[in-house]
Amino acid sequence: MKTILLAGMIGIWATGAMAHSPLDTTTPTNEATVTEMPTEVLMDFKGDIRLTRVAITHADTHSMDMDLGEQTAFTQEFTLPMHDMGAGVYVVEWRGLGADGHALNGTFSFTVEE
């Protein structure tokens, strides 16, 4: 009986974990230091997602919403244009909706040393 209950709990947990579409990789990578400002940010998710908002903060002072453009479909990969705000730490905060209907959000950062 314990084995059946444990197998059921693992199955439910695995199904819940598979239902979400977390951020898999970014370019620049999280916490990377780059020597020149990237012209774009790439975000790759583990599953389909529709981004609803992406904001970038530079050195804890300047914050702006990034242009999502025509990227309104559910997909795994997003390419967003960057605006050069100078050297320093950039924090990218994103929100989206997974294809399964779950709201998702997260952050990543990188540093530009010019």
N, C-alpha and C. Protein backbone atom coordinates (compact mmCIF):
# COMPACT_ATOMS: atom_id res chain seq x y z
N MET A 1 0.82 -1.19 0.00
CA MET A 1 0.00 0.00 0.00
C MET A 1 0.87 1.25 0.00
N LYS A 2 1.94 1.24 0.82
CA LYS A 2 2.84 2.39 0.86
C LYS A 2 3.47 2.64 -0.51
N THR A 3 3.82 1.57 -1.20
CA THR A 3 4.45 1.69 -2.51
C THR A 3 3.50 2.34 -3.51
N ILE A 4 2.24 1.94 -3.48
CA ILE A 4 1.24 2.51 -4.39
C ILE A 4 1.02 3.99 -4.08
N LEU A 5 0.92 4.32 -2.80
CA LEU A 5 0.73 5.71 -2.39
C LEU A 5 1.94 6.56 -2.79
N LEU A 6 3.14 6.05 -2.57
CA LEU A 6 4.35 6.77 -2.94
C LEU A 6 4.42 6.96 -4.46
N ALA A 7 4.11 5.94 -5.22
CA ALA A 7 4.13 6.05 -6.68
C ALA A 7 3.11 7.08 -7.16
N GLY A 8 1.95 7.10 -6.55
CA GLY A 8 0.92 8.08 -6.91
C GLY A 8 1.37 9.50 -6.61
N MET A 9 2.00 9.70 -5.46
CA MET A 9 2.47 11.05 -5.09
C MET A 9 3.57 11.51 -6.04
N ILE A 10 4.48 10.62 -6.40
CA ILE A 10 5.54 10.97 -7.34
C ILE A 10 4.94 11.30 -8.70
N GLY A 11 3.95 10.54 -9.13
CA GLY A 11 3.29 10.80 -10.41
C GLY A 11 2.61 12.16 -10.44
N ILE A 12 1.94 12.51 -9.36
CA ILE A 12 1.26 13.81 -9.29
C ILE A 12 2.30 14.93 -9.27
N TRP A 13 3.36 14.77 -8.50
CA TRP A 13 4.42 15.78 -8.44
C TRP A 13 5.09 15.95 -9.80
N ALA A 14 5.39 14.86 -10.48
CA ALA A 14 6.05 14.93 -11.79
C ALA A 14 5.14 15.58 -12.82
N THR A 15 3.85 15.29 -12.78
CA THR A 15 2.92 15.91 -13.72
C THR A 15 2.85 17.40 -13.47
N GLY A 16 2.80 17.83 -12.23
CA GLY A 16 2.77 19.26 -11.91
C GLY A 16 4.03 19.96 -12.35
N ALA A 17 5.16 19.31 -12.16
CA ALA A 17 6.43 19.92 -12.56
C ALA A 17 6.55 20.02 -14.07
N MET A 18 6.03 19.05 -14.79
CA MET A 18 6.09 19.05 -16.23
C MET A 18 5.13 20.06 -16.84
N ALA A 19 4.11 20.46 -16.11
CA ALA A 19 3.09 21.35 -16.65
C ALA A 19 3.61 22.77 -16.81
N HIS A 20 4.64 23.15 -16.08
CA HIS A 20 5.14 24.50 -16.14
C HIS A 20 6.24 24.63 -17.19
N SER A 21 6.54 25.86 -17.58
CA SER A 21 7.52 26.13 -18.61
C SER A 21 8.57 27.12 -18.10
N PRO A 22 9.46 26.67 -17.21
CA PRO A 22 10.43 27.61 -16.63
C PRO A 22 11.45 28.08 -17.66
N LEU A 23 12.08 29.20 -17.33
CA LEU A 23 13.15 29.73 -18.17
C LEU A 23 14.33 28.76 -18.11
N ASP A 24 14.81 28.35 -19.28
CA ASP A 24 15.88 27.37 -19.36
C ASP A 24 17.24 28.06 -19.50
N THR A 25 17.40 28.91 -20.52
CA THR A 25 18.67 29.59 -20.73
C THR A 25 18.41 31.02 -21.21
N THR A 26 19.41 31.86 -21.01
CA THR A 26 19.36 33.24 -21.49
C THR A 26 20.70 33.58 -22.13
N THR A 27 20.67 34.56 -23.02
CA THR A 27 21.88 35.13 -23.59
C THR A 27 21.75 36.63 -23.49
N PRO A 28 22.60 37.29 -22.73
CA PRO A 28 23.69 36.77 -21.92
C PRO A 28 23.17 35.84 -20.82
N THR A 29 24.03 34.95 -20.38
CA THR A 29 23.64 34.01 -19.33
C THR A 29 23.46 34.74 -18.00
N ASN A 30 22.69 34.13 -17.13
CA ASN A 30 22.42 34.72 -15.82
C ASN A 30 23.73 34.96 -15.08
N GLU A 31 23.89 36.18 -14.55
CA GLU A 31 25.03 36.63 -13.77
C GLU A 31 26.33 36.70 -14.58
N ALA A 32 26.23 36.74 -15.92
CA ALA A 32 27.42 36.86 -16.77
C ALA A 32 27.97 38.28 -16.72
N THR A 33 29.25 38.41 -17.02
CA THR A 33 29.87 39.71 -17.21
C THR A 33 30.32 39.77 -18.66
N VAL A 34 29.85 40.80 -19.39
CA VAL A 34 30.19 40.95 -20.80
C VAL A 34 30.95 42.27 -20.98
N THR A 35 31.76 42.34 -22.03
CA THR A 35 32.59 43.53 -22.25
C THR A 35 31.93 44.56 -23.15
N GLU A 36 30.84 44.20 -23.82
CA GLU A 36 30.11 45.18 -24.61
C GLU A 36 28.62 44.91 -24.49
N MET A 37 27.85 45.96 -24.65
CA MET A 37 26.40 45.88 -24.50
C MET A 37 25.81 45.00 -25.60
N PRO A 38 25.03 43.98 -25.22
CA PRO A 38 24.37 43.16 -26.25
C PRO A 38 23.27 43.97 -26.95
N THR A 39 23.06 43.69 -28.21
CA THR A 39 22.00 44.38 -28.95
C THR A 39 20.65 43.76 -28.71
N GLU A 40 20.65 42.53 -28.17
CA GLU A 40 19.40 41.83 -27.88
C GLU A 40 19.60 40.85 -26.74
N VAL A 41 18.48 40.48 -26.14
CA VAL A 41 18.46 39.47 -25.09
C VAL A 41 17.69 38.28 -25.62
N LEU A 42 18.24 37.09 -25.45
CA LEU A 42 17.57 35.87 -25.87
C LEU A 42 17.09 35.12 -24.65
N MET A 43 15.84 34.68 -24.69
CA MET A 43 15.26 33.91 -23.59
C MET A 43 14.71 32.60 -24.17
N ASP A 44 15.13 31.47 -23.60
CA ASP A 44 14.71 30.15 -24.07
C ASP A 44 14.05 29.42 -22.90
N PHE A 45 12.79 29.06 -23.08
CA PHE A 45 12.02 28.38 -22.04
C PHE A 45 11.95 26.89 -22.32
N LYS A 46 11.65 26.11 -21.29
CA LYS A 46 11.55 24.65 -21.43
C LYS A 46 10.26 24.22 -22.11
N GLY A 47 9.28 25.10 -22.17
CA GLY A 47 8.01 24.82 -22.82
C GLY A 47 7.45 26.10 -23.40
N ASP A 48 6.33 26.00 -24.07
CA ASP A 48 5.72 27.18 -24.68
C ASP A 48 5.19 28.15 -23.63
N ILE A 49 5.42 29.42 -23.88
CA ILE A 49 4.98 30.49 -22.99
C ILE A 49 4.65 31.70 -23.85
N ARG A 50 3.78 32.55 -23.34
CA ARG A 50 3.50 33.84 -23.98
C ARG A 50 3.95 34.91 -22.99
N LEU A 51 4.95 35.68 -23.36
CA LEU A 51 5.42 36.75 -22.49
C LEU A 51 4.37 37.85 -22.43
N THR A 52 4.11 38.35 -21.23
CA THR A 52 3.16 39.44 -21.07
C THR A 52 3.85 40.73 -20.65
N ARG A 53 5.04 40.62 -20.07
CA ARG A 53 5.79 41.82 -19.67
C ARG A 53 7.24 41.44 -19.43
N VAL A 54 8.13 42.29 -19.91
CA VAL A 54 9.55 42.16 -19.62
C VAL A 54 10.05 43.55 -19.29
N ALA A 55 10.60 43.71 -18.09
CA ALA A 55 11.13 45.01 -17.66
C ALA A 55 12.62 44.84 -17.36
N ILE A 56 13.37 45.88 -17.63
CA ILE A 56 14.79 45.85 -17.36
C ILE A 56 15.15 47.03 -16.46
N THR A 57 15.95 46.74 -15.45
CA THR A 57 16.44 47.77 -14.54
C THR A 57 17.94 47.83 -14.67
N HIS A 58 18.47 49.05 -14.80
CA HIS A 58 19.91 49.25 -14.93
C HIS A 58 20.44 49.89 -13.66
N ALA A 59 21.39 49.22 -13.02
CA ALA A 59 22.08 49.74 -11.84
C ALA A 59 21.12 50.28 -10.78
N ASP A 60 20.00 49.60 -10.58
CA ASP A 60 19.00 49.96 -9.57
C ASP A 60 18.39 51.35 -9.75
N THR A 61 18.57 51.97 -10.91
CA THR A 61 18.04 53.33 -11.08
C THR A 61 17.07 53.47 -12.24
N HIS A 62 17.45 53.05 -13.41
CA HIS A 62 16.61 53.21 -14.59
C HIS A 62 15.84 51.91 -14.85
N SER A 63 14.53 52.02 -14.95
CA SER A 63 13.70 50.85 -15.24
C SER A 63 12.83 51.16 -16.44
N MET A 64 12.72 50.20 -17.35
CA MET A 64 11.87 50.39 -18.52
C MET A 64 11.31 49.05 -18.98
N ASP A 65 10.12 49.12 -19.58
CA ASP A 65 9.53 47.92 -20.18
C ASP A 65 10.18 47.68 -21.53
N MET A 66 10.54 46.44 -21.79
CA MET A 66 11.12 46.10 -23.08
C MET A 66 10.01 45.93 -24.10
N ASP A 67 10.32 46.21 -25.34
CA ASP A 67 9.36 46.10 -26.43
C ASP A 67 9.18 44.62 -26.79
N LEU A 68 7.97 44.11 -26.58
CA LEU A 68 7.69 42.71 -26.93
C LEU A 68 7.35 42.57 -28.40
N GLY A 69 7.11 43.70 -29.07
CA GLY A 69 6.85 43.69 -30.52
C GLY A 69 5.70 42.77 -30.88
N GLU A 70 5.92 41.98 -31.88
CA GLU A 70 4.90 41.06 -32.39
C GLU A 70 4.96 39.69 -31.70
N GLN A 71 5.74 39.59 -30.64
CA GLN A 71 5.93 38.30 -29.97
C GLN A 71 4.78 38.04 -29.00
N THR A 72 3.61 37.72 -29.55
CA THR A 72 2.43 37.49 -28.73
C THR A 72 1.98 36.03 -28.76
N ALA A 73 2.65 35.20 -29.54
CA ALA A 73 2.27 33.79 -29.65
C ALA A 73 2.94 32.98 -28.55
N PHE A 74 2.42 31.78 -28.31
CA PHE A 74 3.05 30.85 -27.39
C PHE A 74 4.23 30.20 -28.11
N THR A 75 5.41 30.35 -27.53
CA THR A 75 6.62 29.79 -28.12
C THR A 75 7.65 29.56 -27.02
N GLN A 76 8.77 28.95 -27.36
CA GLN A 76 9.82 28.69 -26.37
C GLN A 76 10.95 29.69 -26.43
N GLU A 77 11.13 30.37 -27.56
CA GLU A 77 12.27 31.26 -27.72
C GLU A 77 11.81 32.69 -28.02
N PHE A 78 12.45 33.65 -27.35
CA PHE A 78 12.15 35.05 -27.54
C PHE A 78 13.45 35.82 -27.75
N THR A 79 13.43 36.76 -28.67
CA THR A 79 14.55 37.66 -28.93
C THR A 79 14.03 39.07 -28.74
N LEU A 80 14.58 39.79 -27.76
CA LEU A 80 14.11 41.13 -27.43
C LEU A 80 15.23 42.14 -27.61
N PRO A 81 14.94 43.28 -28.26
CA PRO A 81 15.98 44.30 -28.46
C PRO A 81 16.38 44.96 -27.15
N MET A 82 17.65 45.27 -27.02
CA MET A 82 18.18 45.94 -25.83
C MET A 82 18.49 47.39 -26.15
N HIS A 83 18.39 48.23 -25.13
CA HIS A 83 18.78 49.63 -25.23
C HIS A 83 19.99 49.83 -24.33
N ASP A 84 21.02 50.44 -24.87
CA ASP A 84 22.25 50.65 -24.13
C ASP A 84 22.06 51.76 -23.10
N MET A 85 22.17 51.41 -21.83
CA MET A 85 22.08 52.39 -20.75
C MET A 85 23.42 52.53 -20.05
N GLY A 86 24.49 52.02 -20.69
CA GLY A 86 25.83 52.15 -20.13
C GLY A 86 26.27 50.94 -19.34
N ALA A 87 27.46 51.04 -18.81
CA ALA A 87 28.03 49.95 -18.01
C ALA A 87 27.25 49.80 -16.71
N GLY A 88 27.31 48.60 -16.16
CA GLY A 88 26.65 48.34 -14.89
C GLY A 88 25.86 47.05 -14.92
N VAL A 89 25.09 46.83 -13.88
CA VAL A 89 24.28 45.62 -13.72
C VAL A 89 22.90 45.84 -14.34
N TYR A 90 22.47 44.89 -15.14
CA TYR A 90 21.15 44.89 -15.75
C TYR A 90 20.36 43.73 -15.16
N VAL A 91 19.16 44.01 -14.67
CA VAL A 91 18.28 42.97 -14.13
C VAL A 91 17.05 42.91 -15.03
N VAL A 92 16.79 41.73 -15.57
CA VAL A 92 15.65 41.51 -16.45
C VAL A 92 14.59 40.75 -15.67
N GLU A 93 13.42 41.35 -15.55
CA GLU A 93 12.29 40.73 -14.85
C GLU A 93 11.22 40.42 -15.90
N TRP A 94 10.75 39.18 -15.92
CA TRP A 94 9.77 38.78 -16.92
C TRP A 94 8.55 38.16 -16.28
N ARG A 95 7.45 38.28 -17.00
CA ARG A 95 6.19 37.62 -16.63
C ARG A 95 5.59 37.02 -17.88
N GLY A 96 4.88 35.93 -17.70
CA GLY A 96 4.27 35.29 -18.85
C GLY A 96 3.19 34.32 -18.44
N LEU A 97 2.61 33.72 -19.44
CA LEU A 97 1.54 32.74 -19.26
C LEU A 97 1.96 31.47 -19.98
N GLY A 98 2.05 30.37 -19.23
CA GLY A 98 2.40 29.10 -19.84
C GLY A 98 1.24 28.58 -20.69
N ALA A 99 1.55 27.74 -21.65
CA ALA A 99 0.52 27.16 -22.52
C ALA A 99 -0.49 26.36 -21.70
N ASP A 100 -0.10 25.93 -20.49
CA ASP A 100 -0.99 25.18 -19.62
C ASP A 100 -1.88 26.10 -18.77
N GLY A 101 -1.73 27.43 -18.95
CA GLY A 101 -2.56 28.39 -18.22
C GLY A 101 -1.95 28.91 -16.93
N HIS A 102 -0.78 28.42 -16.54
CA HIS A 102 -0.15 28.87 -15.30
C HIS A 102 0.61 30.18 -15.53
N ALA A 103 0.48 31.10 -14.59
CA ALA A 103 1.25 32.34 -14.62
C ALA A 103 2.69 32.03 -14.19
N LEU A 104 3.63 32.62 -14.88
CA LEU A 104 5.05 32.39 -14.61
C LEU A 104 5.76 33.72 -14.50
N ASN A 105 6.83 33.76 -13.75
CA ASN A 105 7.65 34.97 -13.67
C ASN A 105 9.04 34.60 -13.18
N GLY A 106 9.96 35.52 -13.39
CA GLY A 106 11.32 35.28 -12.93
C GLY A 106 12.21 36.46 -13.26
N THR A 107 13.47 36.34 -12.88
CA THR A 107 14.46 37.38 -13.15
C THR A 107 15.79 36.72 -13.51
N PHE A 108 16.60 37.48 -14.23
CA PHE A 108 18.00 37.11 -14.43
C PHE A 108 18.76 38.42 -14.59
N SER A 109 20.07 38.35 -14.46
CA SER A 109 20.87 39.56 -14.52
C SER A 109 22.17 39.31 -15.26
N PHE A 110 22.76 40.41 -15.71
CA PHE A 110 24.11 40.36 -16.29
C PHE A 110 24.76 41.72 -16.08
N THR A 111 26.08 41.76 -16.18
CA THR A 111 26.84 42.99 -15.96
C THR A 111 27.59 43.35 -17.23
N VAL A 112 27.53 44.63 -17.59
CA VAL A 112 28.28 45.15 -18.73
C VAL A 112 29.45 45.95 -18.20
N GLU A 113 30.65 45.55 -18.58
CA GLU A 113 31.87 46.26 -18.23
C GLU A 113 32.48 46.79 -19.51
N GLU A 114 32.29 48.06 -19.78
CA GLU A 114 32.81 48.65 -21.03
C GLU A 114 34.17 49.26 -20.84
